[in-house]
Amino acid sequence: MSMRKLALAAGMAALALSVGAALAESPHLGKPITQADLAEWDINILPDGTNLPPGSGKAADGAKIFAEKCVACHGEGGKGGIAARVIGGPPKATLDGGKTIANYWPYATTVFDFIRRSMPWTQPRSLTDQEVYALTAYLLAANKVIGEDDEMNAATLPKVKMPNRDNFVIRFPDRI
């Protein structure tokens, strides 16, 4: 038998063995996920406010939470540190001057959703809904998007018009 035919036969045998192993029964690791398991992680907030939880918060409360849980990464006054700047100058309808909340985020509900899912970075999802509303109110007020005394909740947050909202191109407009 030629070397080429021998190599081809060996390759076919290896392929047959690997297909057989791939089709073999799984080791039954883990368990099937249930709707109850998914519900804990199904916390998406849509731009129109759909799925916002109960609760409310004001900027003054958010400032205290920011000083306690956010300043280590985002710096004094939210001007940036080891993490991004979250408080910039007055709102602009452009991206000139960097991506700050006032000029980069198209919906205030997205700010809430991001904070709720991923902050603080060292302990994501550890903030209560009240704390997230308060932090959102603080960041929006500090960026001069809302007033200092405005309360953010499931009814008021979706009504906040972000300064640069109309300059975004919606990739999937049918999903809004």
Foldseek 3Di string as FASTA:
>chain_A
DDPVVVVVVVVVVVVVVVVVVVPDDDPPPDDDDDVVNVVVVPQDADLQLPNFDFAKAAQVLLVVCCVVFPCVALNVLQCGDVDHRAADEAADLDCPPHQYPQHHDQALVVQLRCCCACPPVVDHNPDDSNNSNNNSNNSCCSNVQDPRGDMDGSVVRSVRGRNNNVVDDDPCVVVD
